[in-house]
N, C-alpha and C. Protein backbone atom coordinates (compact mmCIF):
# COMPACT_ATOMS: atom_id res chain seq x y z
N MET A 1 7.42 -10.92 -17.13
CA MET A 1 6.27 -10.43 -16.43
C MET A 1 6.16 -8.93 -16.45
N GLY A 2 5.04 -8.36 -17.02
CA GLY A 2 4.98 -6.89 -17.20
C GLY A 2 4.26 -6.25 -16.08
N MET A 3 4.19 -4.96 -16.09
CA MET A 3 3.61 -4.20 -15.11
C MET A 3 2.10 -4.37 -14.94
N GLU A 4 1.57 -4.97 -15.98
CA GLU A 4 0.06 -5.25 -15.87
C GLU A 4 -0.21 -6.24 -14.78
N GLU A 5 0.76 -6.99 -14.31
CA GLU A 5 0.61 -7.92 -13.25
C GLU A 5 0.31 -7.24 -11.93
N TYR A 6 0.83 -5.96 -11.81
CA TYR A 6 0.74 -5.21 -10.51
C TYR A 6 -0.23 -4.08 -10.54
N MET A 7 -1.03 -4.00 -11.64
CA MET A 7 -1.99 -2.84 -11.79
C MET A 7 -3.07 -2.94 -10.72
N GLU A 8 -3.52 -4.15 -10.41
CA GLU A 8 -4.63 -4.23 -9.43
C GLU A 8 -4.20 -3.75 -8.08
N ASP A 9 -2.86 -4.20 -7.69
CA ASP A 9 -2.42 -3.80 -6.41
C ASP A 9 -2.13 -2.26 -6.42
N TYR A 10 -1.50 -1.72 -7.51
CA TYR A 10 -1.22 -0.30 -7.60
C TYR A 10 -2.56 0.48 -7.45
N ARG A 11 -3.60 0.10 -8.21
CA ARG A 11 -4.81 0.85 -8.17
C ARG A 11 -5.47 0.83 -6.83
N ALA A 12 -5.44 -0.29 -6.15
CA ALA A 12 -6.05 -0.38 -4.80
C ALA A 12 -5.33 0.43 -3.84
N GLU A 13 -3.99 0.37 -3.82
CA GLU A 13 -3.22 1.15 -2.90
C GLU A 13 -3.29 2.71 -3.20
N ALA A 14 -3.27 3.03 -4.52
CA ALA A 14 -3.29 4.41 -4.89
C ALA A 14 -4.62 5.07 -4.46
N LEU A 15 -5.75 4.31 -4.63
CA LEU A 15 -7.05 4.89 -4.21
C LEU A 15 -7.13 4.99 -2.67
N GLU A 16 -6.45 4.09 -1.97
CA GLU A 16 -6.45 4.17 -0.52
C GLU A 16 -5.72 5.46 -0.12
N HIS A 17 -4.60 5.76 -0.74
CA HIS A 17 -3.83 6.98 -0.41
C HIS A 17 -4.72 8.23 -0.79
N ILE A 18 -5.43 8.21 -1.90
CA ILE A 18 -6.19 9.30 -2.33
C ILE A 18 -7.32 9.53 -1.23
N GLY A 19 -7.90 8.47 -0.78
CA GLY A 19 -8.96 8.67 0.30
C GLY A 19 -8.37 9.25 1.52
N GLU A 20 -7.15 8.78 1.94
CA GLU A 20 -6.47 9.40 3.08
C GLU A 20 -6.07 10.81 2.91
N LEU A 21 -5.69 11.17 1.69
CA LEU A 21 -5.32 12.54 1.35
C LEU A 21 -6.56 13.46 1.53
N ASN A 22 -7.68 12.99 1.01
CA ASN A 22 -8.89 13.79 1.21
C ASN A 22 -9.17 14.06 2.66
N GLU A 23 -9.01 13.01 3.52
CA GLU A 23 -9.19 13.22 4.94
C GLU A 23 -8.25 14.20 5.54
N SER A 24 -6.97 14.14 5.09
CA SER A 24 -5.97 15.12 5.60
C SER A 24 -6.26 16.48 5.17
N LEU A 25 -6.65 16.66 3.91
CA LEU A 25 -7.03 17.95 3.36
C LEU A 25 -8.18 18.69 4.18
N LEU A 26 -9.14 17.81 4.55
CA LEU A 26 -10.24 18.31 5.34
C LEU A 26 -9.74 18.93 6.62
N LEU A 27 -8.83 18.23 7.23
CA LEU A 27 -8.21 18.75 8.53
C LEU A 27 -7.45 20.06 8.23
N ILE A 28 -6.70 20.04 7.10
CA ILE A 28 -5.88 21.25 6.83
C ILE A 28 -6.76 22.46 6.49
N GLU A 29 -7.96 22.11 5.87
CA GLU A 29 -8.96 23.17 5.57
C GLU A 29 -9.48 23.85 6.83
N LYS A 30 -9.64 23.07 7.89
CA LYS A 30 -10.12 23.59 9.13
C LYS A 30 -8.98 24.36 9.89
N ASP A 31 -7.75 23.89 9.82
CA ASP A 31 -6.61 24.51 10.55
C ASP A 31 -5.32 24.12 9.80
N ALA A 32 -4.81 25.09 8.98
CA ALA A 32 -3.57 24.73 8.29
C ALA A 32 -2.34 24.68 9.15
N ARG A 33 -2.58 24.98 10.52
CA ARG A 33 -1.49 24.88 11.46
C ARG A 33 -1.38 23.45 12.02
N ASP A 34 -2.29 22.59 11.55
CA ASP A 34 -2.29 21.18 12.03
C ASP A 34 -1.10 20.49 11.37
N LYS A 35 0.05 20.57 11.99
CA LYS A 35 1.33 20.09 11.37
C LYS A 35 1.19 18.62 11.04
N GLU A 36 0.57 17.85 11.96
CA GLU A 36 0.49 16.41 11.74
C GLU A 36 -0.33 16.09 10.39
N ALA A 37 -1.39 16.83 10.23
CA ALA A 37 -2.22 16.55 9.04
C ALA A 37 -1.47 16.99 7.79
N VAL A 38 -0.71 18.13 7.89
CA VAL A 38 0.02 18.63 6.64
C VAL A 38 1.17 17.67 6.35
N ASP A 39 1.88 17.21 7.37
CA ASP A 39 3.03 16.24 7.15
C ASP A 39 2.50 14.90 6.59
N ARG A 40 1.34 14.49 7.08
CA ARG A 40 0.79 13.24 6.61
C ARG A 40 0.37 13.39 5.12
N ALA A 41 -0.27 14.46 4.80
CA ALA A 41 -0.64 14.74 3.38
C ALA A 41 0.52 14.74 2.49
N PHE A 42 1.59 15.41 2.93
CA PHE A 42 2.81 15.49 2.14
C PHE A 42 3.40 14.07 1.90
N ARG A 43 3.48 13.26 2.88
CA ARG A 43 4.03 11.98 2.77
C ARG A 43 3.16 11.07 1.86
N GLN A 44 1.84 11.17 2.09
CA GLN A 44 0.90 10.40 1.22
C GLN A 44 1.10 10.78 -0.28
N MET A 45 1.19 12.06 -0.59
CA MET A 45 1.39 12.46 -1.97
C MET A 45 2.68 11.99 -2.47
N HIS A 46 3.73 12.10 -1.59
CA HIS A 46 5.07 11.66 -2.04
C HIS A 46 5.06 10.16 -2.38
N THR A 47 4.41 9.40 -1.58
CA THR A 47 4.30 7.96 -1.83
C THR A 47 3.50 7.69 -3.16
N LEU A 48 2.41 8.40 -3.35
CA LEU A 48 1.66 8.28 -4.55
C LEU A 48 2.41 8.59 -5.80
N LYS A 49 3.22 9.61 -5.65
CA LYS A 49 4.11 10.07 -6.77
C LYS A 49 5.08 8.97 -7.07
N GLY A 50 5.70 8.40 -6.13
CA GLY A 50 6.68 7.39 -6.26
C GLY A 50 6.16 6.12 -6.86
N MET A 51 4.91 5.73 -6.37
CA MET A 51 4.26 4.56 -6.93
C MET A 51 3.87 4.71 -8.39
N SER A 52 3.49 5.90 -8.76
CA SER A 52 3.05 6.14 -10.14
C SER A 52 4.26 6.12 -11.05
N ALA A 53 5.39 6.74 -10.56
CA ALA A 53 6.61 6.72 -11.33
C ALA A 53 7.14 5.30 -11.53
N THR A 54 7.07 4.50 -10.48
CA THR A 54 7.49 3.07 -10.54
C THR A 54 6.73 2.30 -11.63
N MET A 55 5.42 2.57 -11.77
CA MET A 55 4.61 1.92 -12.72
C MET A 55 4.77 2.51 -14.16
N GLY A 56 5.58 3.60 -14.20
CA GLY A 56 5.78 4.18 -15.56
C GLY A 56 4.87 5.31 -15.98
N PHE A 57 4.07 5.75 -15.00
CA PHE A 57 3.07 6.81 -15.23
C PHE A 57 3.72 8.17 -14.96
N THR A 58 4.58 8.55 -15.84
CA THR A 58 5.49 9.77 -15.60
C THR A 58 4.59 11.01 -15.60
N ARG A 59 3.65 11.14 -16.44
CA ARG A 59 2.79 12.36 -16.39
C ARG A 59 2.08 12.55 -15.14
N LEU A 60 1.52 11.36 -14.64
CA LEU A 60 0.77 11.44 -13.38
C LEU A 60 1.75 11.74 -12.20
N ALA A 61 2.91 11.14 -12.30
CA ALA A 61 3.92 11.45 -11.23
C ALA A 61 4.31 12.87 -11.23
N THR A 62 4.45 13.55 -12.38
CA THR A 62 4.75 14.91 -12.47
C THR A 62 3.67 15.77 -11.85
N PHE A 63 2.45 15.51 -12.14
CA PHE A 63 1.31 16.22 -11.62
C PHE A 63 1.23 16.07 -10.05
N CYS A 64 1.55 14.80 -9.63
CA CYS A 64 1.57 14.58 -8.14
C CYS A 64 2.68 15.51 -7.50
N HIS A 65 3.79 15.64 -8.25
CA HIS A 65 4.97 16.45 -7.74
C HIS A 65 4.50 17.89 -7.60
N GLU A 66 3.68 18.38 -8.48
CA GLU A 66 3.24 19.81 -8.38
C GLU A 66 2.41 19.99 -7.12
N ILE A 67 1.58 19.01 -6.84
CA ILE A 67 0.73 19.07 -5.63
C ILE A 67 1.65 18.91 -4.33
N GLU A 68 2.49 18.10 -4.45
CA GLU A 68 3.58 17.83 -3.34
C GLU A 68 4.22 19.18 -3.01
N ASP A 69 4.60 19.92 -4.01
CA ASP A 69 5.26 21.21 -3.83
C ASP A 69 4.33 22.15 -3.01
N CYS A 70 3.04 22.22 -3.44
CA CYS A 70 2.18 23.06 -2.68
C CYS A 70 2.03 22.69 -1.26
N LEU A 71 2.00 21.42 -0.98
CA LEU A 71 1.86 20.89 0.40
C LEU A 71 3.13 21.22 1.24
N ASP A 72 4.30 21.18 0.56
CA ASP A 72 5.53 21.50 1.24
C ASP A 72 5.57 22.98 1.66
N ILE A 73 4.99 23.85 0.71
CA ILE A 73 4.97 25.25 1.10
C ILE A 73 4.05 25.53 2.27
N ILE A 74 2.82 24.83 2.26
CA ILE A 74 1.95 24.89 3.41
C ILE A 74 2.63 24.43 4.69
N ARG A 75 3.41 23.40 4.50
CA ARG A 75 4.10 22.84 5.74
C ARG A 75 5.06 23.90 6.29
N LYS A 76 5.71 24.65 5.37
CA LYS A 76 6.71 25.61 5.87
C LYS A 76 5.99 26.94 6.33
N ASN A 77 4.83 27.25 5.71
CA ASN A 77 4.16 28.49 6.06
C ASN A 77 2.62 28.28 5.95
N PRO A 78 1.96 27.91 7.08
CA PRO A 78 0.49 27.68 7.03
C PRO A 78 -0.33 28.82 6.47
N ALA A 79 0.16 30.07 6.56
CA ALA A 79 -0.64 31.20 6.09
C ALA A 79 -0.85 31.18 4.62
N SER A 80 -0.06 30.38 3.91
CA SER A 80 -0.24 30.26 2.44
C SER A 80 -1.35 29.38 1.97
N ALA A 81 -2.04 28.74 2.97
CA ALA A 81 -3.13 27.80 2.60
C ALA A 81 -4.43 28.57 2.38
N SER A 82 -4.57 29.20 1.32
CA SER A 82 -5.73 30.03 1.04
C SER A 82 -6.96 29.09 0.66
N GLY A 83 -8.16 29.60 0.74
CA GLY A 83 -9.33 28.79 0.39
C GLY A 83 -9.27 28.36 -1.07
N GLN A 84 -8.79 29.22 -1.96
CA GLN A 84 -8.67 28.90 -3.32
C GLN A 84 -7.69 27.72 -3.55
N LEU A 85 -6.61 27.73 -2.82
CA LEU A 85 -5.60 26.63 -2.94
C LEU A 85 -6.20 25.32 -2.50
N ILE A 86 -6.89 25.38 -1.34
CA ILE A 86 -7.44 24.12 -0.81
C ILE A 86 -8.46 23.57 -1.78
N ASP A 87 -9.28 24.40 -2.40
CA ASP A 87 -10.30 23.99 -3.40
C ASP A 87 -9.58 23.31 -4.62
N ALA A 88 -8.50 23.90 -5.02
CA ALA A 88 -7.76 23.39 -6.19
C ALA A 88 -7.06 22.09 -5.78
N LEU A 89 -6.64 21.94 -4.58
CA LEU A 89 -6.12 20.60 -4.21
C LEU A 89 -7.11 19.55 -4.14
N PHE A 90 -8.30 19.88 -3.61
CA PHE A 90 -9.43 18.89 -3.66
C PHE A 90 -9.71 18.47 -5.16
N GLU A 91 -9.75 19.49 -6.05
CA GLU A 91 -10.07 19.26 -7.43
C GLU A 91 -8.97 18.43 -8.06
N SER A 92 -7.75 18.61 -7.65
CA SER A 92 -6.62 17.79 -8.20
C SER A 92 -6.72 16.35 -7.77
N LEU A 93 -7.20 16.15 -6.50
CA LEU A 93 -7.30 14.78 -6.06
C LEU A 93 -8.43 14.07 -6.79
N ASP A 94 -9.51 14.79 -7.09
CA ASP A 94 -10.61 14.26 -7.92
C ASP A 94 -10.03 13.77 -9.32
N ALA A 95 -9.18 14.64 -9.87
CA ALA A 95 -8.61 14.36 -11.16
C ALA A 95 -7.67 13.14 -11.11
N ILE A 96 -6.84 13.03 -10.08
CA ILE A 96 -5.96 11.90 -9.90
C ILE A 96 -6.73 10.65 -9.70
N GLU A 97 -7.86 10.66 -8.90
CA GLU A 97 -8.66 9.50 -8.64
C GLU A 97 -9.20 8.98 -9.97
N LYS A 98 -9.73 9.88 -10.83
CA LYS A 98 -10.24 9.52 -12.16
C LYS A 98 -9.20 8.80 -13.01
N ILE A 99 -8.03 9.43 -13.02
CA ILE A 99 -6.89 8.85 -13.82
C ILE A 99 -6.56 7.45 -13.31
N VAL A 100 -6.38 7.28 -12.00
CA VAL A 100 -6.05 6.03 -11.41
C VAL A 100 -7.01 4.91 -11.76
N LYS A 101 -8.29 5.32 -11.83
CA LYS A 101 -9.37 4.31 -12.07
C LYS A 101 -9.37 3.87 -13.56
N GLU A 102 -8.83 4.79 -14.44
CA GLU A 102 -8.96 4.54 -15.92
C GLU A 102 -7.72 4.18 -16.55
N VAL A 103 -6.51 4.52 -15.95
CA VAL A 103 -5.29 4.27 -16.63
C VAL A 103 -5.01 2.73 -16.69
N LYS A 104 -4.29 2.30 -17.77
CA LYS A 104 -3.96 0.92 -17.92
C LYS A 104 -2.47 0.74 -17.99
N ALA A 105 -1.92 -0.42 -17.45
CA ALA A 105 -0.51 -0.64 -17.42
C ALA A 105 0.05 -0.64 -18.89
N GLY A 106 1.25 -0.09 -18.98
CA GLY A 106 1.97 -0.07 -20.29
C GLY A 106 1.44 0.92 -21.33
N GLN A 107 0.43 1.67 -20.90
CA GLN A 107 -0.08 2.66 -21.83
C GLN A 107 0.29 4.11 -21.28
N GLN A 108 0.56 5.00 -22.21
CA GLN A 108 0.80 6.39 -21.78
C GLN A 108 -0.51 7.01 -21.28
N GLU A 109 -0.46 7.71 -20.21
CA GLU A 109 -1.69 8.27 -19.63
C GLU A 109 -2.27 9.36 -20.61
N GLU A 110 -3.54 9.10 -20.96
CA GLU A 110 -4.17 10.12 -21.79
C GLU A 110 -5.16 10.93 -21.01
N PHE A 111 -4.66 12.01 -20.49
CA PHE A 111 -5.52 12.81 -19.68
C PHE A 111 -5.03 14.35 -19.81
N ASP A 112 -5.96 15.22 -19.58
CA ASP A 112 -5.60 16.65 -19.71
C ASP A 112 -5.85 17.33 -18.35
N VAL A 113 -4.81 17.65 -17.68
CA VAL A 113 -4.87 18.39 -16.40
C VAL A 113 -4.29 19.76 -16.54
N SER A 114 -4.15 20.31 -17.74
CA SER A 114 -3.49 21.55 -17.97
C SER A 114 -4.19 22.66 -17.28
N GLN A 115 -5.53 22.61 -17.22
CA GLN A 115 -6.30 23.73 -16.65
C GLN A 115 -6.05 23.79 -15.10
N ILE A 116 -6.20 22.62 -14.44
CA ILE A 116 -6.02 22.55 -13.02
C ILE A 116 -4.53 22.77 -12.69
N SER A 117 -3.66 22.19 -13.50
CA SER A 117 -2.27 22.34 -13.32
C SER A 117 -1.85 23.84 -13.37
N GLY A 118 -2.46 24.55 -14.36
CA GLY A 118 -2.18 25.96 -14.41
C GLY A 118 -2.63 26.77 -13.19
N ARG A 119 -3.77 26.43 -12.68
CA ARG A 119 -4.25 27.01 -11.46
C ARG A 119 -3.32 26.71 -10.29
N ILE A 120 -2.92 25.46 -10.20
CA ILE A 120 -1.96 25.08 -9.08
C ILE A 120 -0.69 25.91 -9.23
N GLY A 121 -0.20 26.04 -10.45
CA GLY A 121 1.07 26.86 -10.65
C GLY A 121 0.88 28.30 -10.20
N ALA A 122 -0.23 28.89 -10.56
CA ALA A 122 -0.55 30.31 -10.23
C ALA A 122 -0.64 30.49 -8.70
N LEU A 123 -1.38 29.57 -8.11
CA LEU A 123 -1.60 29.61 -6.70
C LEU A 123 -0.29 29.31 -5.94
N LYS A 124 0.53 28.53 -6.49
CA LYS A 124 1.84 28.18 -5.89
C LYS A 124 2.73 29.51 -5.89
N SER A 125 2.64 30.31 -6.89
CA SER A 125 3.31 31.57 -6.95
C SER A 125 2.89 32.53 -5.78
N LEU A 126 1.53 32.48 -5.63
CA LEU A 126 0.94 33.31 -4.54
C LEU A 126 1.29 32.80 -3.24
N GLN A 127 1.50 31.39 -3.13
CA GLN A 127 1.94 30.86 -1.84
C GLN A 127 3.34 31.39 -1.48
N LYS A 128 4.17 31.42 -2.47
CA LYS A 128 5.54 31.88 -2.18
C LYS A 128 5.56 33.40 -1.85
N ASP A 129 4.67 34.17 -2.46
CA ASP A 129 4.59 35.58 -2.14
C ASP A 129 4.07 35.81 -0.71
N ALA A 130 3.36 34.81 -0.20
CA ALA A 130 2.86 34.92 1.21
C ALA A 130 3.83 34.45 2.14
N GLY A 131 5.10 34.17 1.69
CA GLY A 131 6.11 33.52 2.59
C GLY A 131 6.47 34.39 3.79
N GLY A 132 6.26 35.73 3.73
CA GLY A 132 6.65 36.56 4.84
C GLY A 132 5.57 36.68 5.90
N VAL A 133 4.34 36.12 5.55
CA VAL A 133 3.16 36.26 6.45
C VAL A 133 3.26 35.05 7.43
N LYS A 134 3.15 35.26 8.71
CA LYS A 134 3.18 34.17 9.68
C LYS A 134 1.85 34.18 10.39
N MET A 135 1.32 33.01 10.62
CA MET A 135 0.06 32.81 11.35
C MET A 135 0.39 32.86 12.82
N PRO A 136 -0.45 33.43 13.59
CA PRO A 136 -0.22 33.46 15.09
C PRO A 136 -0.23 32.09 15.65
N GLU A 137 0.68 31.92 16.57
CA GLU A 137 0.76 30.54 17.26
C GLU A 137 -0.41 30.47 18.22
N PRO A 138 -1.03 29.19 18.28
CA PRO A 138 -2.11 28.99 19.20
C PRO A 138 -1.64 29.10 20.59
N LYS A 139 -2.51 29.62 21.44
CA LYS A 139 -2.10 29.73 22.85
C LYS A 139 -2.16 28.45 23.57
N THR A 140 -1.16 28.22 24.47
CA THR A 140 -1.14 26.96 25.19
C THR A 140 -1.68 27.21 26.64
N GLN A 141 -2.44 26.30 27.12
CA GLN A 141 -3.04 26.40 28.43
C GLN A 141 -2.05 25.94 29.54
N GLU A 142 -2.03 26.66 30.65
CA GLU A 142 -1.25 26.23 31.72
C GLU A 142 -1.95 25.02 32.35
N PRO A 143 -1.15 24.06 32.80
CA PRO A 143 -1.76 22.91 33.39
C PRO A 143 -2.46 23.32 34.76
N ALA A 144 -3.49 22.62 35.05
CA ALA A 144 -4.29 22.88 36.28
C ALA A 144 -3.43 22.62 37.51
N GLY A 145 -3.66 23.49 38.52
CA GLY A 145 -2.96 23.29 39.78
C GLY A 145 -1.45 23.77 39.75
N GLY A 146 -1.17 24.54 38.76
CA GLY A 146 0.18 25.14 38.74
C GLY A 146 1.30 24.10 38.45
N GLY A 147 0.95 22.98 37.90
CA GLY A 147 1.98 21.91 37.64
C GLY A 147 2.83 22.28 36.47
N ILE A 148 3.83 21.52 36.21
CA ILE A 148 4.75 21.79 35.11
C ILE A 148 4.26 21.03 33.93
N SER A 149 4.10 21.73 32.75
CA SER A 149 3.68 21.16 31.52
C SER A 149 4.70 20.26 30.97
N GLN A 150 4.31 19.22 30.23
CA GLN A 150 5.22 18.31 29.65
C GLN A 150 5.28 18.67 28.16
N GLU A 151 6.48 18.92 27.61
CA GLU A 151 6.54 19.25 26.21
C GLU A 151 6.88 18.01 25.43
N THR A 152 6.32 17.97 24.22
CA THR A 152 6.52 16.79 23.33
C THR A 152 7.90 16.86 22.78
N GLN A 153 8.67 15.78 22.92
CA GLN A 153 10.02 15.76 22.38
C GLN A 153 9.97 15.35 20.91
N SER A 154 10.83 16.02 20.16
CA SER A 154 10.93 15.70 18.74
C SER A 154 12.35 15.70 18.28
N VAL A 155 12.57 14.99 17.17
CA VAL A 155 13.92 14.84 16.59
C VAL A 155 13.89 15.43 15.16
N ARG A 156 14.84 16.30 14.82
CA ARG A 156 14.92 16.80 13.43
C ARG A 156 15.58 15.84 12.50
N VAL A 157 14.86 15.57 11.41
CA VAL A 157 15.39 14.67 10.35
C VAL A 157 15.52 15.46 9.09
N PRO A 158 16.74 15.46 8.43
CA PRO A 158 16.90 16.16 7.14
C PRO A 158 15.87 15.70 6.11
N MET A 159 15.39 16.64 5.29
CA MET A 159 14.35 16.27 4.28
C MET A 159 14.90 15.25 3.33
N GLU A 160 16.21 15.29 2.99
CA GLU A 160 16.73 14.36 2.10
C GLU A 160 16.66 12.98 2.60
N ARG A 161 16.89 12.73 3.83
CA ARG A 161 16.83 11.44 4.47
C ARG A 161 15.38 10.96 4.52
N LEU A 162 14.44 11.83 4.84
CA LEU A 162 13.01 11.52 4.95
C LEU A 162 12.57 11.13 3.52
N ASP A 163 12.94 11.87 2.55
CA ASP A 163 12.55 11.55 1.17
C ASP A 163 13.12 10.11 0.75
N SER A 164 14.36 9.87 1.12
CA SER A 164 14.94 8.56 0.87
C SER A 164 14.21 7.44 1.55
N MET A 165 13.81 7.68 2.77
CA MET A 165 13.07 6.65 3.54
C MET A 165 11.68 6.37 2.87
N LEU A 166 11.04 7.41 2.41
CA LEU A 166 9.77 7.36 1.73
C LEU A 166 9.90 6.54 0.44
N ASN A 167 10.94 6.88 -0.35
CA ASN A 167 11.16 6.19 -1.65
C ASN A 167 11.41 4.70 -1.38
N ILE A 168 12.28 4.36 -0.34
CA ILE A 168 12.59 2.96 -0.09
C ILE A 168 11.34 2.25 0.38
N SER A 169 10.53 2.89 1.19
CA SER A 169 9.32 2.27 1.66
C SER A 169 8.35 1.96 0.51
N GLY A 170 8.25 2.94 -0.41
CA GLY A 170 7.41 2.70 -1.60
C GLY A 170 7.94 1.55 -2.46
N GLU A 171 9.22 1.47 -2.69
CA GLU A 171 9.80 0.36 -3.50
C GLU A 171 9.57 -0.98 -2.74
N LEU A 172 9.67 -0.99 -1.41
CA LEU A 172 9.40 -2.26 -0.73
C LEU A 172 7.98 -2.71 -0.84
N VAL A 173 7.08 -1.79 -0.98
CA VAL A 173 5.61 -2.23 -1.19
C VAL A 173 5.51 -2.89 -2.53
N ILE A 174 6.11 -2.22 -3.56
CA ILE A 174 6.08 -2.80 -4.97
C ILE A 174 6.66 -4.21 -4.93
N ILE A 175 7.84 -4.38 -4.28
CA ILE A 175 8.46 -5.69 -4.20
C ILE A 175 7.60 -6.68 -3.52
N LYS A 176 6.97 -6.25 -2.47
CA LYS A 176 6.07 -7.11 -1.68
C LYS A 176 4.90 -7.61 -2.61
N ASN A 177 4.35 -6.71 -3.43
CA ASN A 177 3.27 -7.08 -4.29
C ASN A 177 3.76 -8.04 -5.36
N ARG A 178 4.97 -7.91 -5.79
CA ARG A 178 5.58 -8.83 -6.83
C ARG A 178 5.72 -10.27 -6.14
N LEU A 179 6.15 -10.23 -4.91
CA LEU A 179 6.30 -11.57 -4.26
C LEU A 179 4.97 -12.26 -4.06
N ILE A 180 4.00 -11.50 -3.78
CA ILE A 180 2.58 -12.10 -3.66
C ILE A 180 2.17 -12.70 -4.99
N GLN A 181 2.48 -11.97 -6.09
CA GLN A 181 2.11 -12.53 -7.38
C GLN A 181 2.88 -13.74 -7.73
N LEU A 182 4.19 -13.79 -7.39
CA LEU A 182 5.00 -15.01 -7.64
C LEU A 182 4.51 -16.21 -6.82
N LEU A 183 3.94 -15.91 -5.63
CA LEU A 183 3.47 -16.93 -4.81
C LEU A 183 2.29 -17.69 -5.46
N LYS A 184 1.61 -16.95 -6.32
CA LYS A 184 0.37 -17.55 -7.00
C LYS A 184 0.92 -18.61 -8.07
N VAL A 185 2.16 -18.36 -8.47
CA VAL A 185 2.71 -19.29 -9.58
C VAL A 185 3.56 -20.38 -9.04
N TYR A 186 4.47 -20.01 -8.07
CA TYR A 186 5.37 -20.92 -7.45
C TYR A 186 4.87 -21.22 -6.01
N ARG A 187 4.15 -22.33 -5.89
CA ARG A 187 3.56 -22.62 -4.61
C ARG A 187 4.53 -23.43 -3.74
N GLY A 188 4.45 -23.22 -2.50
CA GLY A 188 5.32 -23.99 -1.55
C GLY A 188 5.18 -23.38 -0.18
N ARG A 189 5.12 -24.27 0.81
CA ARG A 189 4.93 -23.78 2.17
C ARG A 189 6.01 -22.83 2.62
N ASP A 190 7.32 -23.14 2.39
CA ASP A 190 8.35 -22.28 2.80
C ASP A 190 8.31 -20.95 2.21
N LEU A 191 8.02 -20.94 0.88
CA LEU A 191 7.90 -19.70 0.13
C LEU A 191 6.70 -18.82 0.72
N ARG A 192 5.57 -19.48 0.90
CA ARG A 192 4.46 -18.82 1.47
C ARG A 192 4.77 -18.22 2.82
N ASP A 193 5.39 -18.92 3.68
CA ASP A 193 5.73 -18.43 5.01
C ASP A 193 6.64 -17.22 4.89
N ALA A 194 7.70 -17.28 3.96
CA ALA A 194 8.60 -16.21 3.82
C ALA A 194 7.87 -14.91 3.32
N VAL A 195 6.99 -15.13 2.29
CA VAL A 195 6.21 -14.04 1.81
C VAL A 195 5.30 -13.39 2.85
N ASN A 196 4.69 -14.22 3.65
CA ASN A 196 3.79 -13.71 4.75
C ASN A 196 4.62 -12.91 5.78
N ASP A 197 5.86 -13.42 6.04
CA ASP A 197 6.66 -12.66 7.01
C ASP A 197 7.11 -11.33 6.45
N ALA A 198 7.55 -11.35 5.13
CA ALA A 198 7.83 -10.09 4.46
C ALA A 198 6.69 -9.10 4.40
N ASP A 199 5.48 -9.63 4.13
CA ASP A 199 4.33 -8.83 4.03
C ASP A 199 4.01 -8.14 5.32
N ARG A 200 4.18 -8.89 6.42
CA ARG A 200 3.90 -8.34 7.74
C ARG A 200 4.86 -7.19 8.13
N PHE A 201 6.15 -7.51 7.92
CA PHE A 201 7.12 -6.49 8.36
C PHE A 201 7.22 -5.31 7.39
N ILE A 202 6.97 -5.50 6.09
CA ILE A 202 6.96 -4.38 5.17
C ILE A 202 5.74 -3.47 5.51
N ASN A 203 4.58 -4.09 5.78
CA ASN A 203 3.36 -3.26 6.08
C ASN A 203 3.68 -2.52 7.37
N ALA A 204 4.35 -3.12 8.37
CA ALA A 204 4.70 -2.41 9.60
C ALA A 204 5.61 -1.24 9.39
N LEU A 205 6.63 -1.48 8.56
CA LEU A 205 7.64 -0.43 8.24
C LEU A 205 6.96 0.68 7.47
N HIS A 206 6.09 0.34 6.48
CA HIS A 206 5.39 1.36 5.68
C HIS A 206 4.50 2.22 6.60
N GLY A 207 3.82 1.55 7.47
CA GLY A 207 2.95 2.33 8.46
C GLY A 207 3.69 3.25 9.33
N GLU A 208 4.93 2.86 9.74
CA GLU A 208 5.72 3.72 10.64
C GLU A 208 6.28 4.94 9.84
N VAL A 209 6.66 4.74 8.58
CA VAL A 209 7.21 5.83 7.74
C VAL A 209 6.10 6.81 7.44
N LEU A 210 4.83 6.34 7.23
CA LEU A 210 3.80 7.22 6.89
C LEU A 210 3.17 7.79 8.14
């Protein structure tokens, strides 16, 4: 059974991630200090990169990695999110969407992103040069009535562990799609129930990680 069996699922899920990435970028364009939007965009691009690599689309995965690097720099320093960079990221998503719609399983991707990739590379260098610039922190309002404000608790997770979780989550989605395809061939109530259970829990896990 070749990868062509999973192209429909890959294409549908990849386009869904691209749509969500566009929404996240719109929020980043308004305020690059929106940590939730930046983190979400980074995770979505990381997942898209992993999915593409799993399908054998190495050139597309490499291009996704370049964009992922830019998002990581924005995550570390919001001041690096220039208007030119945001425009280039939107253009990159348009290019990726076109590739995902046209690429076929088992075929080397035939597309030229050298121009936009070059722009991304140049802007990434400017991002790193802006590393010493810090954006002012937004002011926090005191709670009405002189009460004590409640701070959001957070837990630090090493990037290596987060990357590993994202990779595992992406692999589980691919495995889930394979199980669904197998269910079309090998029918049986027990198998169907097991696949449905796996589908439910994998979707829940994937949603939590993202």
